[in-house]
Amino acid sequence: FKERKELANKIDLEDFLNRSNKQKTL
């Protein structure tokens, strides 16, 4: 799990809140 997590990107809440309206609608 740790090895796979090292290759992943952590989601930042502030960045995620700024996603597009199109994304939110979908």
PDB file of all heavy atoms in Angstrom:
ATOM      1  N   PHE A   1       0.836  -1.204   0.000  1.00  0.00           N
ATOM      2  CA  PHE A   1       0.000   0.000   0.000  1.00  0.00           C
ATOM      3  C   PHE A   1       0.873   1.258   0.000  1.00  0.00           C
ATOM      4  O   PHE A   1       0.620   2.200  -0.765  1.00  0.00           O
ATOM      5  CB  PHE A   1      -0.917  -0.011   1.232  1.00  0.00           C
ATOM      6  CG  PHE A   1      -1.897   1.125   1.291  1.00  0.00           C
ATOM      7  CD1 PHE A   1      -3.129   1.022   0.673  1.00  0.00           C
ATOM      8  CD2 PHE A   1      -1.583   2.301   1.969  1.00  0.00           C
ATOM      9  CE1 PHE A   1      -4.043   2.075   0.724  1.00  0.00           C
ATOM     10  CE2 PHE A   1      -2.489   3.347   2.036  1.00  0.00           C
ATOM     11  CZ  PHE A   1      -3.727   3.239   1.410  1.00  0.00           C
ATOM     12  N   LYS A   2       1.916   1.258   0.822  1.00  0.00           N
ATOM     13  CA  LYS A   2       2.807   2.414   0.912  1.00  0.00           C
ATOM     14  C   LYS A   2       3.530   2.661  -0.407  1.00  0.00           C
ATOM     15  O   LYS A   2       3.692   3.814  -0.841  1.00  0.00           O
ATOM     16  CB  LYS A   2       3.822   2.213   2.046  1.00  0.00           C
ATOM     17  CG  LYS A   2       3.237   2.347   3.443  1.00  0.00           C
ATOM     18  CD  LYS A   2       4.294   2.116   4.506  1.00  0.00           C
ATOM     19  CE  LYS A   2       3.717   2.293   5.910  1.00  0.00           C
ATOM     20  NZ  LYS A   2       4.739   2.016   6.960  1.00  0.00           N
ATOM     21  N   GLU A   3       3.982   1.577  -1.039  1.00  0.00           N
ATOM     22  CA  GLU A   3       4.676   1.710  -2.320  1.00  0.00           C
ATOM     23  C   GLU A   3       3.765   2.316  -3.376  1.00  0.00           C
ATOM     24  O   GLU A   3       4.184   3.175  -4.160  1.00  0.00           O
ATOM     25  CB  GLU A   3       5.180   0.336  -2.785  1.00  0.00           C
ATOM     26  CG  GLU A   3       6.350  -0.203  -1.975  1.00  0.00           C
ATOM     27  CD  GLU A   3       6.759  -1.599  -2.419  1.00  0.00           C
ATOM     28  OE1 GLU A   3       6.328  -2.034  -3.508  1.00  0.00           O
ATOM     29  OE2 GLU A   3       7.515  -2.265  -1.671  1.00  0.00           O
ATOM     30  N   ARG A   4       2.519   1.869  -3.396  1.00  0.00           N
ATOM     31  CA  ARG A   4       1.569   2.392  -4.371  1.00  0.00           C
ATOM     32  C   ARG A   4       1.193   3.844  -4.046  1.00  0.00           C
ATOM     33  O   ARG A   4       0.993   4.660  -4.941  1.00  0.00           O
ATOM     34  CB  ARG A   4       0.318   1.515  -4.413  1.00  0.00           C
ATOM     35  CG  ARG A   4       0.596   0.110  -4.932  1.00  0.00           C
ATOM     36  CD  ARG A   4      -0.666  -0.723  -5.007  1.00  0.00           C
ATOM     37  NE  ARG A   4      -0.397  -2.065  -5.523  1.00  0.00           N
ATOM     38  CZ  ARG A   4      -1.327  -2.971  -5.775  1.00  0.00           C
ATOM     39  NH1 ARG A   4      -2.592  -2.679  -5.557  1.00  0.00           N
ATOM     40  NH2 ARG A   4      -1.001  -4.153  -6.241  1.00  0.00           N
ATOM     41  N   LYS A   5       1.117   4.152  -2.761  1.00  0.00           N
ATOM     42  CA  LYS A   5       0.767   5.519  -2.354  1.00  0.00           C
ATOM     43  C   LYS A   5       1.862   6.509  -2.750  1.00  0.00           C
ATOM     44  O   LYS A   5       1.578   7.670  -3.083  1.00  0.00           O
ATOM     45  CB  LYS A   5       0.525   5.575  -0.843  1.00  0.00           C
ATOM     46  CG  LYS A   5      -0.155   6.861  -0.380  1.00  0.00           C
ATOM     47  CD  LYS A   5      -0.419   6.853   1.115  1.00  0.00           C
ATOM     48  CE  LYS A   5       0.842   7.197   1.880  1.00  0.00           C
ATOM     49  NZ  LYS A   5       0.612   7.438   3.315  1.00  0.00           N
ATOM     50  N   GLU A   6       3.119   6.044  -2.721  1.00  0.00           N
ATOM     51  CA  GLU A   6       4.238   6.907  -3.107  1.00  0.00           C
ATOM     52  C   GLU A   6       4.135   7.351  -4.567  1.00  0.00           C
ATOM     53  O   GLU A   6       4.660   8.400  -4.952  1.00  0.00           O
ATOM     54  CB  GLU A   6       5.570   6.161  -2.891  1.00  0.00           C
ATOM     55  CG  GLU A   6       5.959   5.986  -1.431  1.00  0.00           C
ATOM     56  CD  GLU A   6       6.214   7.314  -0.737  1.00  0.00           C
ATOM     57  OE1 GLU A   6       6.860   8.195  -1.340  1.00  0.00           O
ATOM     58  OE2 GLU A   6       5.737   7.481   0.413  1.00  0.00           O
ATOM     59  N   LEU A   7       3.463   6.553  -5.371  1.00  0.00           N
ATOM     60  CA  LEU A   7       3.320   6.853  -6.795  1.00  0.00           C
ATOM     61  C   LEU A   7       2.040   7.637  -7.090  1.00  0.00           C
ATOM     62  O   LEU A   7       1.729   7.908  -8.258  1.00  0.00           O
ATOM     63  CB  LEU A   7       3.319   5.555  -7.609  1.00  0.00           C
ATOM     64  CG  LEU A   7       4.572   4.670  -7.477  1.00  0.00           C
ATOM     65  CD1 LEU A   7       4.364   3.350  -8.209  1.00  0.00           C
ATOM     66  CD2 LEU A   7       5.801   5.400  -8.006  1.00  0.00           C
ATOM     67  N   ALA A   8       1.309   7.983  -6.033  1.00  0.00           N
ATOM     68  CA  ALA A   8       0.017   8.667  -6.200  1.00  0.00           C
ATOM     69  C   ALA A   8       0.127  10.134  -5.813  1.00  0.00           C
ATOM     70  O   ALA A   8       1.103  10.570  -5.192  1.00  0.00           O
ATOM     71  CB  ALA A   8      -1.040   7.977  -5.346  1.00  0.00           C
ATOM     72  N   ASN A   9      -0.885  10.902  -6.162  1.00  0.00           N
ATOM     73  CA  ASN A   9      -0.936  12.328  -5.828  1.00  0.00           C
ATOM     74  C   ASN A   9      -2.018  12.585  -4.789  1.00  0.00           C
ATOM     75  O   ASN A   9      -3.165  12.172  -4.968  1.00  0.00           O
ATOM     76  CB  ASN A   9      -1.231  13.150  -7.077  1.00  0.00           C
ATOM     77  CG  ASN A   9      -0.139  13.021  -8.120  1.00  0.00           C
ATOM     78  OD1 ASN A   9       1.034  13.206  -7.822  1.00  0.00           O
ATOM     79  ND2 ASN A   9      -0.527  12.693  -9.348  1.00  0.00           N
ATOM     80  N   LYS A  10      -1.645  13.282  -3.731  1.00  0.00           N
ATOM     81  CA  LYS A  10      -2.597  13.607  -2.678  1.00  0.00           C
ATOM     82  C   LYS A  10      -3.466  14.783  -3.099  1.00  0.00           C
ATOM     83  O   LYS A  10      -2.976  15.778  -3.633  1.00  0.00           O
ATOM     84  CB  LYS A  10      -1.860  13.945  -1.380  1.00  0.00           C
ATOM     85  CG  LYS A  10      -2.780  14.172  -0.189  1.00  0.00           C
ATOM     86  CD  LYS A  10      -1.971  14.458   1.073  1.00  0.00           C
ATOM     87  CE  LYS A  10      -2.886  14.678   2.271  1.00  0.00           C
ATOM     88  NZ  LYS A  10      -2.110  14.974   3.503  1.00  0.00           N
ATOM     89  N   ILE A  11      -4.775  14.666  -2.872  1.00  0.00           N
ATOM     90  CA  ILE A  11      -5.711  15.739  -3.241  1.00  0.00           C
ATOM     91  C   ILE A  11      -5.689  16.819  -2.159  1.00  0.00           C
ATOM     92  O   ILE A  11      -5.827  16.531  -0.969  1.00  0.00           O
ATOM     93  CB  ILE A  11      -7.143  15.201  -3.394  1.00  0.00           C
ATOM     94  CG1 ILE A  11      -7.221  14.168  -4.517  1.00  0.00           C
ATOM     95  CG2 ILE A  11      -8.099  16.350  -3.700  1.00  0.00           C
ATOM     96  CD1 ILE A  11      -8.606  13.621  -4.730  1.00  0.00           C
ATOM     97  N   ASP A  12      -5.519  18.041  -2.595  1.00  0.00           N
ATOM     98  CA  ASP A  12      -5.590  19.188  -1.688  1.00  0.00           C
ATOM     99  C   ASP A  12      -7.016  19.744  -1.711  1.00  0.00           C
ATOM    100  O   ASP A  12      -7.586  19.969  -2.782  1.00  0.00           O
ATOM    101  CB  ASP A  12      -4.603  20.270  -2.135  1.00  0.00           C
ATOM    102  CG  ASP A  12      -4.664  21.509  -1.257  1.00  0.00           C
ATOM    103  OD1 ASP A  12      -4.136  21.464  -0.135  1.00  0.00           O
ATOM    104  OD2 ASP A  12      -5.268  22.508  -1.709  1.00  0.00           O
ATOM    105  N   LEU A  13      -7.592  19.960  -0.544  1.00  0.00           N
ATOM    106  CA  LEU A  13      -8.984  20.405  -0.452  1.00  0.00           C
ATOM    107  C   LEU A  13      -9.207  21.728  -1.187  1.00  0.00           C
ATOM    108  O   LEU A  13     -10.176  21.872  -1.948  1.00  0.00           O
ATOM    109  CB  LEU A  13      -9.401  20.538   1.018  1.00  0.00           C
ATOM    110  CG  LEU A  13     -10.806  21.124   1.256  1.00  0.00           C
ATOM    111  CD1 LEU A  13     -11.880  20.291   0.574  1.00  0.00           C
ATOM    112  CD2 LEU A  13     -11.078  21.240   2.750  1.00  0.00           C
ATOM    113  N   GLU A  14      -8.316  22.705  -0.969  1.00  0.00           N
ATOM    114  CA  GLU A  14      -8.496  24.019  -1.600  1.00  0.00           C
ATOM    115  C   GLU A  14      -8.461  23.913  -3.116  1.00  0.00           C
ATOM    116  O   GLU A  14      -9.264  24.539  -3.819  1.00  0.00           O
ATOM    117  CB  GLU A  14      -7.414  24.990  -1.103  1.00  0.00           C
ATOM    118  CG  GLU A  14      -7.525  25.330   0.371  1.00  0.00           C
ATOM    119  CD  GLU A  14      -8.889  25.910   0.733  1.00  0.00           C
ATOM    120  OE1 GLU A  14      -9.394  26.748  -0.041  1.00  0.00           O
ATOM    121  OE2 GLU A  14      -9.436  25.532   1.779  1.00  0.00           O
ATOM    122  N   ASP A  15      -7.541  23.099  -3.635  1.00  0.00           N
ATOM    123  CA  ASP A  15      -7.468  22.905  -5.089  1.00  0.00           C
ATOM    124  C   ASP A  15      -8.726  22.219  -5.605  1.00  0.00           C
ATOM    125  O   ASP A  15      -9.245  22.577  -6.673  1.00  0.00           O
ATOM    126  CB  ASP A  15      -6.239  22.072  -5.451  1.00  0.00           C
ATOM    127  CG  ASP A  15      -4.940  22.840  -5.245  1.00  0.00           C
ATOM    128  OD1 ASP A  15      -4.995  24.080  -5.180  1.00  0.00           O
ATOM    129  OD2 ASP A  15      -3.878  22.187  -5.140  1.00  0.00           O
ATOM    130  N   PHE A  16      -9.204  21.243  -4.845  1.00  0.00           N
ATOM    131  CA  PHE A  16     -10.379  20.490  -5.292  1.00  0.00           C
ATOM    132  C   PHE A  16     -11.620  21.371  -5.305  1.00  0.00           C
ATOM    133  O   PHE A  16     -12.482  21.236  -6.184  1.00  0.00           O
ATOM    134  CB  PHE A  16     -10.596  19.272  -4.392  1.00  0.00           C
ATOM    135  CG  PHE A  16     -11.638  18.313  -4.912  1.00  0.00           C
ATOM    136  CD1 PHE A  16     -11.357  17.473  -5.979  1.00  0.00           C
ATOM    137  CD2 PHE A  16     -12.900  18.279  -4.352  1.00  0.00           C
ATOM    138  CE1 PHE A  16     -12.327  16.609  -6.478  1.00  0.00           C
ATOM    139  CE2 PHE A  16     -13.878  17.419  -4.837  1.00  0.00           C
ATOM    140  CZ  PHE A  16     -13.583  16.575  -5.903  1.00  0.00           C
ATOM    141  N   LEU A  17     -11.713  22.298  -4.367  1.00  0.00           N
ATOM    142  CA  LEU A  17     -12.868  23.195  -4.307  1.00  0.00           C
ATOM    143  C   LEU A  17     -12.926  24.116  -5.526  1.00  0.00           C
ATOM    144  O   LEU A  17     -13.995  24.637  -5.876  1.00  0.00           O
ATOM    145  CB  LEU A  17     -12.828  24.027  -3.022  1.00  0.00           C
ATOM    146  CG  LEU A  17     -13.079  23.270  -1.707  1.00  0.00           C
ATOM    147  CD1 LEU A  17     -12.888  24.209  -0.523  1.00  0.00           C
ATOM    148  CD2 LEU A  17     -14.461  22.647  -1.686  1.00  0.00           C
ATOM    149  N   ASN A  18     -11.785  24.321  -6.166  1.00  0.00           N
ATOM    150  CA  ASN A  18     -11.722  25.221  -7.316  1.00  0.00           C
ATOM    151  C   ASN A  18     -11.947  24.514  -8.657  1.00  0.00           C
ATOM    152  O   ASN A  18     -11.706  25.113  -9.714  1.00  0.00           O
ATOM    153  CB  ASN A  18     -10.358  25.932  -7.349  1.00  0.00           C
ATOM    154  CG  ASN A  18     -10.204  26.923  -6.205  1.00  0.00           C
ATOM    155  OD1 ASN A  18     -11.169  27.568  -5.802  1.00  0.00           O
ATOM    156  ND2 ASN A  18      -8.998  27.026  -5.672  1.00  0.00           N
ATOM    157  N   ARG A  19     -12.410  23.262  -8.609  1.00  0.00           N
ATOM    158  CA  ARG A  19     -12.673  22.563  -9.865  1.00  0.00           C
ATOM    159  C   ARG A  19     -13.807  23.261 -10.615  1.00  0.00           C
ATOM    160  O   ARG A  19     -14.604  23.987 -10.018  1.00  0.00           O
ATOM    161  CB  ARG A  19     -13.001  21.091  -9.603  1.00  0.00           C
ATOM    162  CG  ARG A  19     -14.294  20.823  -8.867  1.00  0.00           C
ATOM    163  CD  ARG A  19     -14.298  19.400  -8.295  1.00  0.00           C
ATOM    164  NE  ARG A  19     -15.572  19.010  -7.713  1.00  0.00           N
ATOM    165  CZ  ARG A  19     -15.998  19.406  -6.523  1.00  0.00           C
ATOM    166  NH1 ARG A  19     -15.267  20.233  -5.795  1.00  0.00           N
ATOM    167  NH2 ARG A  19     -17.158  18.977  -6.063  1.00  0.00           N
ATOM    168  N   SER A  20     -13.896  22.997 -11.897  1.00  0.00           N
ATOM    169  CA  SER A  20     -14.835  23.717 -12.761  1.00  0.00           C
ATOM    170  C   SER A  20     -16.292  23.357 -12.461  1.00  0.00           C
ATOM    171  O   SER A  20     -16.588  22.293 -11.898  1.00  0.00           O
ATOM    172  CB  SER A  20     -14.535  23.406 -14.227  1.00  0.00           C
ATOM    173  OG  SER A  20     -14.828  22.043 -14.506  1.00  0.00           O
ATOM    174  N   ASN A  21     -17.185  24.243 -12.866  1.00  0.00           N
ATOM    175  CA  ASN A  21     -18.618  23.983 -12.710  1.00  0.00           C
ATOM    176  C   ASN A  21     -19.053  22.784 -13.559  1.00  0.00           C
ATOM    177  O   ASN A  21     -19.962  22.044 -13.174  1.00  0.00           O
ATOM    178  CB  ASN A  21     -19.428  25.223 -13.111  1.00  0.00           C
ATOM    179  CG  ASN A  21     -19.313  26.334 -12.087  1.00  0.00           C
ATOM    180  OD1 ASN A  21     -19.185  26.070 -10.893  1.00  0.00           O
ATOM    181  ND2 ASN A  21     -19.356  27.580 -12.557  1.00  0.00           N
ATOM    182  N   LYS A  22     -18.415  22.624 -14.703  1.00  0.00           N
ATOM    183  CA  LYS A  22     -18.709  21.468 -15.556  1.00  0.00           C
ATOM    184  C   LYS A  22     -18.402  20.172 -14.805  1.00  0.00           C
ATOM    185  O   LYS A  22     -19.187  19.219 -14.828  1.00  0.00           O
ATOM    186  CB  LYS A  22     -17.894  21.541 -16.845  1.00  0.00           C
ATOM    187  CG  LYS A  22     -18.103  20.347 -17.759  1.00  0.00           C
ATOM    188  CD  LYS A  22     -17.194  20.424 -18.993  1.00  0.00           C
ATOM    189  CE  LYS A  22     -17.345  19.166 -19.842  1.00  0.00           C
ATOM    190  NZ  LYS A  22     -16.432  19.192 -21.026  1.00  0.00           N
ATOM    191  N   GLN A  23     -17.238  20.156 -14.135  1.00  0.00           N
ATOM    192  CA  GLN A  23     -16.845  18.974 -13.358  1.00  0.00           C
ATOM    193  C   GLN A  23     -17.865  18.700 -12.254  1.00  0.00           C
ATOM    194  O   GLN A  23     -18.290  17.559 -12.047  1.00  0.00           O
ATOM    195  CB  GLN A  23     -15.458  19.205 -12.747  1.00  0.00           C
ATOM    196  CG  GLN A  23     -15.004  18.149 -11.741  1.00  0.00           C
ATOM    197  CD  GLN A  23     -14.391  16.924 -12.379  1.00  0.00           C
ATOM    198  OE1 GLN A  23     -14.152  16.908 -13.575  1.00  0.00           O
ATOM    199  NE2 GLN A  23     -14.155  15.904 -11.586  1.00  0.00           N
ATOM    200  N   LYS A  24     -18.272  19.737 -11.557  1.00  0.00           N
ATOM    201  CA  LYS A  24     -19.237  19.571 -10.469  1.00  0.00           C
ATOM    202  C   LYS A  24     -20.578  19.038 -10.989  1.00  0.00           C
ATOM    203  O   LYS A  24     -21.210  18.199 -10.343  1.00  0.00           O
ATOM    204  CB  LYS A  24     -19.443  20.902  -9.745  1.00  0.00           C
ATOM    205  CG  LYS A  24     -18.226  21.401  -8.991  1.00  0.00           C
ATOM    206  CD  LYS A  24     -18.483  22.772  -8.381  1.00  0.00           C
ATOM    207  CE  LYS A  24     -17.237  23.295  -7.672  1.00  0.00           C
ATOM    208  NZ  LYS A  24     -17.443  24.664  -7.119  1.00  0.00           N
ATOM    209  N   THR A  25     -20.998  19.538 -12.135  1.00  0.00           N
ATOM    210  CA  THR A  25     -22.264  19.084 -12.725  1.00  0.00           C
ATOM    211  C   THR A  25     -22.198  17.616 -13.112  1.00  0.00           C
ATOM    212  O   THR A  25     -23.124  16.836 -12.833  1.00  0.00           O
ATOM    213  CB  THR A  25     -22.613  19.930 -13.968  1.00  0.00           C
ATOM    214  OG1 THR A  25     -22.703  21.302 -13.586  1.00  0.00           O
ATOM    215  CG2 THR A  25     -23.931  19.484 -14.569  1.00  0.00           C
ATOM    216  N   LEU A  26     -21.097  17.227 -13.741  1.00  0.00           N
ATOM    217  CA  LEU A  26     -20.914  15.819 -14.137  1.00  0.00           C
ATOM    218  C   LEU A  26     -20.875  14.908 -12.912  1.00  0.00           C
ATOM    219  O   LEU A  26     -21.403  13.794 -12.933  1.00  0.00           O
ATOM    220  CB  LEU A  26     -19.638  15.662 -14.961  1.00  0.00           C
ATOM    221  CG  LEU A  26     -19.680  16.272 -16.362  1.00  0.00           C
ATOM    222  CD1 LEU A  26     -18.286  16.244 -17.004  1.00  0.00           C
ATOM    223  CD2 LEU A  26     -20.675  15.522 -17.243  1.00  0.00           C
TER     224      LEU A  26
END
